[in-house]
Structure formats: C-alpha cells, structure tokens
N, C-alpha and C. Protein backbone atom coordinates (compact mmCIF):
# COMPACT_ATOMS: atom_id res chain seq x y z
N MET A 1 0.83 -1.19 0.00
CA MET A 1 0.00 0.00 0.00
C MET A 1 0.88 1.25 0.00
N LYS A 2 1.92 1.25 0.81
CA LYS A 2 2.76 2.44 0.91
C LYS A 2 3.53 2.74 -0.38
N ASP A 3 3.68 1.74 -1.25
CA ASP A 3 4.39 1.94 -2.52
C ASP A 3 3.47 2.45 -3.64
N SER A 4 2.19 2.53 -3.38
CA SER A 4 1.23 2.94 -4.40
C SER A 4 1.24 4.46 -4.60
N ASN A 5 1.36 4.88 -5.85
CA ASN A 5 1.29 6.32 -6.16
C ASN A 5 -0.09 6.88 -5.83
N ASP A 6 -1.14 6.08 -6.07
CA ASP A 6 -2.50 6.53 -5.75
C ASP A 6 -2.66 6.74 -4.25
N TRP A 7 -2.08 5.84 -3.46
CA TRP A 7 -2.15 5.99 -2.00
C TRP A 7 -1.42 7.26 -1.57
N LYS A 8 -0.25 7.53 -2.17
CA LYS A 8 0.51 8.73 -1.83
C LYS A 8 -0.28 9.99 -2.19
N LYS A 9 -0.89 10.01 -3.37
CA LYS A 9 -1.69 11.17 -3.78
C LYS A 9 -2.87 11.39 -2.82
N THR A 10 -3.50 10.28 -2.41
CA THR A 10 -4.63 10.38 -1.48
C THR A 10 -4.16 10.91 -0.14
N ARG A 11 -3.02 10.43 0.35
CA ARG A 11 -2.47 10.93 1.62
C ARG A 11 -2.10 12.42 1.51
N ASP A 12 -1.49 12.81 0.40
CA ASP A 12 -1.14 14.22 0.21
C ASP A 12 -2.38 15.09 0.19
N TYR A 13 -3.45 14.61 -0.48
CA TYR A 13 -4.71 15.35 -0.52
C TYR A 13 -5.27 15.48 0.89
N ARG A 14 -5.27 14.38 1.63
CA ARG A 14 -5.76 14.39 3.01
C ARG A 14 -4.94 15.34 3.87
N ASP A 15 -3.62 15.31 3.74
CA ASP A 15 -2.75 16.18 4.54
C ASP A 15 -3.02 17.65 4.22
N ALA A 16 -3.19 17.98 2.95
CA ALA A 16 -3.49 19.36 2.57
C ALA A 16 -4.83 19.78 3.16
N TRP A 17 -5.83 18.89 3.08
CA TRP A 17 -7.17 19.17 3.60
C TRP A 17 -7.13 19.44 5.09
N VAL A 18 -6.41 18.60 5.83
CA VAL A 18 -6.41 18.67 7.30
C VAL A 18 -5.51 19.78 7.82
N HIS A 19 -4.35 19.95 7.23
CA HIS A 19 -3.35 20.85 7.80
C HIS A 19 -3.34 22.24 7.18
N ASN A 20 -3.95 22.40 6.03
CA ASN A 20 -3.95 23.71 5.38
C ASN A 20 -5.39 24.12 5.10
N LYS A 21 -5.71 24.22 3.85
CA LYS A 21 -7.07 24.54 3.39
C LYS A 21 -7.43 23.48 2.37
N PRO A 22 -8.67 23.05 2.31
CA PRO A 22 -9.01 22.04 1.30
C PRO A 22 -8.60 22.51 -0.10
N PRO A 23 -7.96 21.62 -0.87
CA PRO A 23 -7.58 21.99 -2.24
C PRO A 23 -8.82 22.39 -3.06
N ILE A 24 -8.61 23.25 -4.01
CA ILE A 24 -9.70 23.76 -4.84
C ILE A 24 -10.08 22.71 -5.88
N ILE A 25 -11.39 22.41 -5.94
CA ILE A 25 -11.92 21.42 -6.87
C ILE A 25 -12.69 22.15 -7.97
N LYS A 26 -12.35 21.87 -9.21
CA LYS A 26 -12.99 22.52 -10.35
C LYS A 26 -14.49 22.20 -10.37
N GLY A 27 -15.30 23.22 -10.57
CA GLY A 27 -16.73 23.04 -10.67
C GLY A 27 -17.49 23.16 -9.37
N LEU A 28 -16.78 23.40 -8.26
CA LEU A 28 -17.46 23.49 -6.97
C LEU A 28 -17.50 24.93 -6.45
N GLY A 29 -17.59 25.87 -7.36
CA GLY A 29 -17.72 27.27 -6.98
C GLY A 29 -16.39 28.00 -6.94
N ILE A 30 -16.48 29.29 -6.61
CA ILE A 30 -15.29 30.14 -6.55
C ILE A 30 -14.59 29.91 -5.22
N ASN A 31 -13.30 29.61 -5.30
CA ASN A 31 -12.49 29.41 -4.10
C ASN A 31 -11.16 30.13 -4.27
N TYR A 32 -10.56 30.44 -3.15
CA TYR A 32 -9.30 31.15 -3.15
C TYR A 32 -8.26 30.39 -2.33
N GLU A 33 -7.03 30.44 -2.79
CA GLU A 33 -5.92 29.91 -2.00
C GLU A 33 -5.65 30.87 -0.85
N ARG A 34 -5.07 30.35 0.21
CA ARG A 34 -4.63 31.22 1.30
C ARG A 34 -3.26 31.78 0.92
N ARG A 35 -3.27 33.03 0.50
CA ARG A 35 -2.01 33.69 0.13
C ARG A 35 -2.23 35.19 0.13
N ASN A 36 -1.16 35.90 0.08
CA ASN A 36 -1.20 37.35 0.01
C ASN A 36 -1.73 37.75 -1.36
N ARG A 37 -2.75 38.56 -1.41
CA ARG A 37 -3.35 39.00 -2.66
C ARG A 37 -2.69 40.26 -3.23
N LEU A 38 -1.82 40.87 -2.49
CA LEU A 38 -1.15 42.09 -2.93
C LEU A 38 -0.09 41.75 -3.97
N ILE A 39 -0.19 42.38 -5.13
CA ILE A 39 0.79 42.19 -6.19
C ILE A 39 1.55 43.51 -6.36
N VAL A 40 2.85 43.44 -6.18
CA VAL A 40 3.68 44.64 -6.27
C VAL A 40 4.71 44.43 -7.38
N THR A 41 4.74 45.38 -8.33
CA THR A 41 5.76 45.38 -9.37
C THR A 41 6.51 46.71 -9.26
N ALA A 42 7.48 46.89 -10.11
CA ALA A 42 8.24 48.13 -10.10
C ALA A 42 7.37 49.35 -10.40
N LYS A 43 6.29 49.16 -11.18
CA LYS A 43 5.46 50.28 -11.61
C LYS A 43 4.10 50.34 -10.92
N THR A 44 3.60 49.21 -10.39
CA THR A 44 2.24 49.20 -9.85
C THR A 44 2.12 48.41 -8.56
N LYS A 45 1.02 48.65 -7.91
CA LYS A 45 0.60 47.85 -6.76
C LYS A 45 -0.87 47.56 -6.96
N GLY A 46 -1.28 46.33 -6.67
CA GLY A 46 -2.68 45.98 -6.87
C GLY A 46 -3.08 44.75 -6.09
N VAL A 47 -4.37 44.50 -6.08
CA VAL A 47 -4.93 43.33 -5.41
C VAL A 47 -5.81 42.59 -6.40
N THR A 48 -5.67 41.27 -6.43
CA THR A 48 -6.52 40.47 -7.31
C THR A 48 -7.78 40.05 -6.58
N PHE A 49 -8.87 40.00 -7.29
CA PHE A 49 -10.13 39.51 -6.72
C PHE A 49 -11.07 39.19 -7.87
N GLY A 50 -12.12 38.43 -7.56
CA GLY A 50 -13.15 38.20 -8.56
C GLY A 50 -13.40 36.76 -8.92
N SER A 51 -12.53 36.19 -9.74
CA SER A 51 -12.87 34.89 -10.33
C SER A 51 -12.31 33.69 -9.58
N GLY A 52 -11.65 33.90 -8.48
CA GLY A 52 -11.09 32.78 -7.73
C GLY A 52 -9.77 32.31 -8.30
N ASP A 53 -9.17 31.35 -7.61
CA ASP A 53 -7.89 30.80 -8.05
C ASP A 53 -8.11 29.52 -8.85
N GLU A 54 -7.08 29.13 -9.57
CA GLU A 54 -7.15 27.95 -10.41
C GLU A 54 -7.34 26.70 -9.56
N ALA A 55 -8.14 25.77 -10.06
CA ALA A 55 -8.43 24.53 -9.34
C ALA A 55 -7.20 23.62 -9.29
N ASP A 56 -7.07 22.92 -8.17
CA ASP A 56 -5.99 21.93 -8.02
C ASP A 56 -6.38 20.59 -8.64
N PHE A 57 -7.67 20.26 -8.57
CA PHE A 57 -8.16 18.96 -9.03
C PHE A 57 -9.53 19.10 -9.66
N THR A 58 -9.89 18.12 -10.46
CA THR A 58 -11.28 17.94 -10.89
C THR A 58 -11.84 16.78 -10.07
N VAL A 59 -13.14 16.60 -10.09
CA VAL A 59 -13.75 15.47 -9.40
C VAL A 59 -13.21 14.17 -10.00
N ASP A 60 -13.05 14.14 -11.31
CA ASP A 60 -12.51 12.93 -11.97
C ASP A 60 -11.08 12.64 -11.52
N ASP A 61 -10.27 13.69 -11.32
CA ASP A 61 -8.91 13.49 -10.79
C ASP A 61 -8.97 12.80 -9.43
N LEU A 62 -9.82 13.32 -8.55
CA LEU A 62 -9.94 12.75 -7.21
C LEU A 62 -10.39 11.29 -7.25
N LEU A 63 -11.42 11.02 -8.04
CA LEU A 63 -11.89 9.64 -8.15
C LEU A 63 -10.83 8.73 -8.74
N GLY A 64 -10.03 9.28 -9.65
CA GLY A 64 -8.99 8.49 -10.31
C GLY A 64 -7.95 7.95 -9.36
N PHE A 65 -7.57 8.71 -8.34
CA PHE A 65 -6.57 8.18 -7.40
C PHE A 65 -7.16 7.73 -6.07
N MET A 66 -8.37 8.17 -5.73
CA MET A 66 -8.95 7.74 -4.46
C MET A 66 -9.61 6.36 -4.52
N LYS A 67 -10.22 6.02 -5.65
CA LYS A 67 -10.85 4.70 -5.75
C LYS A 67 -9.83 3.57 -5.60
N PRO A 68 -8.70 3.61 -6.32
CA PRO A 68 -7.71 2.54 -6.11
C PRO A 68 -7.17 2.53 -4.67
N SER A 69 -7.05 3.70 -4.07
CA SER A 69 -6.57 3.77 -2.68
C SER A 69 -7.57 3.13 -1.73
N LEU A 70 -8.85 3.35 -1.97
CA LEU A 70 -9.89 2.74 -1.14
C LEU A 70 -9.84 1.22 -1.26
N PHE A 71 -9.63 0.70 -2.47
CA PHE A 71 -9.52 -0.75 -2.65
C PHE A 71 -8.31 -1.29 -1.89
N LEU A 72 -7.18 -0.57 -1.95
CA LEU A 72 -5.99 -0.99 -1.20
C LEU A 72 -6.26 -1.00 0.31
N LEU A 73 -6.95 0.02 0.78
CA LEU A 73 -7.25 0.09 2.21
C LEU A 73 -8.16 -1.05 2.64
N THR A 74 -9.20 -1.33 1.87
CA THR A 74 -10.11 -2.41 2.25
C THR A 74 -9.40 -3.77 2.19
N GLU A 75 -8.48 -3.94 1.23
CA GLU A 75 -7.69 -5.17 1.17
C GLU A 75 -6.82 -5.33 2.41
N ALA A 76 -6.15 -4.26 2.81
CA ALA A 76 -5.30 -4.29 4.00
C ALA A 76 -6.12 -4.57 5.26
N LEU A 77 -7.28 -3.93 5.38
CA LEU A 77 -8.13 -4.17 6.54
C LEU A 77 -8.64 -5.60 6.58
N ALA A 78 -8.98 -6.16 5.44
CA ALA A 78 -9.44 -7.55 5.38
C ALA A 78 -8.33 -8.50 5.83
N GLN A 79 -7.10 -8.23 5.43
CA GLN A 79 -5.97 -9.06 5.86
C GLN A 79 -5.75 -8.96 7.37
N ILE A 80 -5.89 -7.76 7.91
CA ILE A 80 -5.73 -7.57 9.36
C ILE A 80 -6.81 -8.33 10.12
N VAL A 81 -8.04 -8.23 9.66
CA VAL A 81 -9.15 -8.93 10.32
C VAL A 81 -8.95 -10.44 10.23
N ASP A 82 -8.55 -10.94 9.07
CA ASP A 82 -8.30 -12.38 8.92
C ASP A 82 -7.21 -12.85 9.88
N TYR A 83 -6.13 -12.08 9.97
CA TYR A 83 -5.04 -12.42 10.88
C TYR A 83 -5.54 -12.44 12.33
N TYR A 84 -6.32 -11.44 12.70
CA TYR A 84 -6.81 -11.33 14.06
C TYR A 84 -7.75 -12.49 14.40
N ILE A 85 -8.59 -12.91 13.47
CA ILE A 85 -9.49 -14.04 13.70
C ILE A 85 -8.68 -15.32 13.93
N VAL A 86 -7.66 -15.56 13.12
CA VAL A 86 -6.79 -16.73 13.30
C VAL A 86 -6.09 -16.64 14.65
N PHE A 87 -5.58 -15.48 14.98
CA PHE A 87 -4.90 -15.28 16.27
C PHE A 87 -5.82 -15.58 17.44
N LEU A 88 -7.04 -15.07 17.39
CA LEU A 88 -7.99 -15.31 18.47
C LEU A 88 -8.35 -16.80 18.57
N ASN A 89 -8.54 -17.44 17.43
CA ASN A 89 -8.87 -18.87 17.45
C ASN A 89 -7.74 -19.70 18.06
N LYS A 90 -6.50 -19.32 17.83
CA LYS A 90 -5.36 -20.05 18.39
C LYS A 90 -5.16 -19.75 19.87
N ASN A 91 -5.40 -18.50 20.26
CA ASN A 91 -5.01 -18.06 21.60
C ASN A 91 -6.17 -17.80 22.55
N GLN A 92 -7.35 -18.04 22.10
CA GLN A 92 -8.50 -17.76 22.94
C GLN A 92 -8.58 -18.79 24.06
N LYS A 93 -8.75 -18.27 25.25
CA LYS A 93 -8.90 -19.14 26.40
C LYS A 93 -10.33 -19.61 26.45
N THR A 94 -10.53 -20.93 26.31
CA THR A 94 -11.89 -21.44 26.30
C THR A 94 -12.33 -21.98 27.65
N GLU A 95 -11.38 -22.25 28.53
CA GLU A 95 -11.72 -22.74 29.87
C GLU A 95 -11.08 -21.84 30.91
N TRP A 96 -11.77 -21.64 32.01
CA TRP A 96 -11.23 -20.80 33.08
C TRP A 96 -10.80 -21.63 34.24
C-alpha cells in the first residue's frame, strides 16, 4: 500500500485538507488559496479579486486516485481482520 502512487496522492490530498485549506476542486464554486493578494511590481501595486484561483483537481482526478486507494485500504483491513481471527482462534482461552 505504501508503494502505491495513488495511495501517496490520497495521503497528500488528506494532509493538505487537514493541515492547510481544502484543495480547490474545479466546478465546486469560486475558491481562493490562502495567500497574500497584494501584487507589487516596479510600476504598480494591486490586489486580485473576482474569479477565484485555479483549481488543483477535478472530481474525476480525485476519483482516479482515491478509488484505487480505497480498494488498497479495504484489502489491508481484510488481511488484518483475517489475521486477528486466526490469532484469536489459536489463543483464545476457552476454559477458566
């Protein structure tokens, strides 16, 4: 699971969502990045506003790397549960 590029992209998306601001998704309205809006050049100073910032992902992008990651996660959880059931069957105290 840790070697999967899809898993890494999903973790990076999750980390950005939790620790910063949710990444901008195309088609879900006007959103802005957290950054300084002041633009200073040698000749001018200005502030941008209006149409929002460029999207980081589309919904299809998210589904493209999150679906395989979900399958990997459910596979790993199934293996853990199978191991735990075998462990309990071997080590369960049936008499007191």
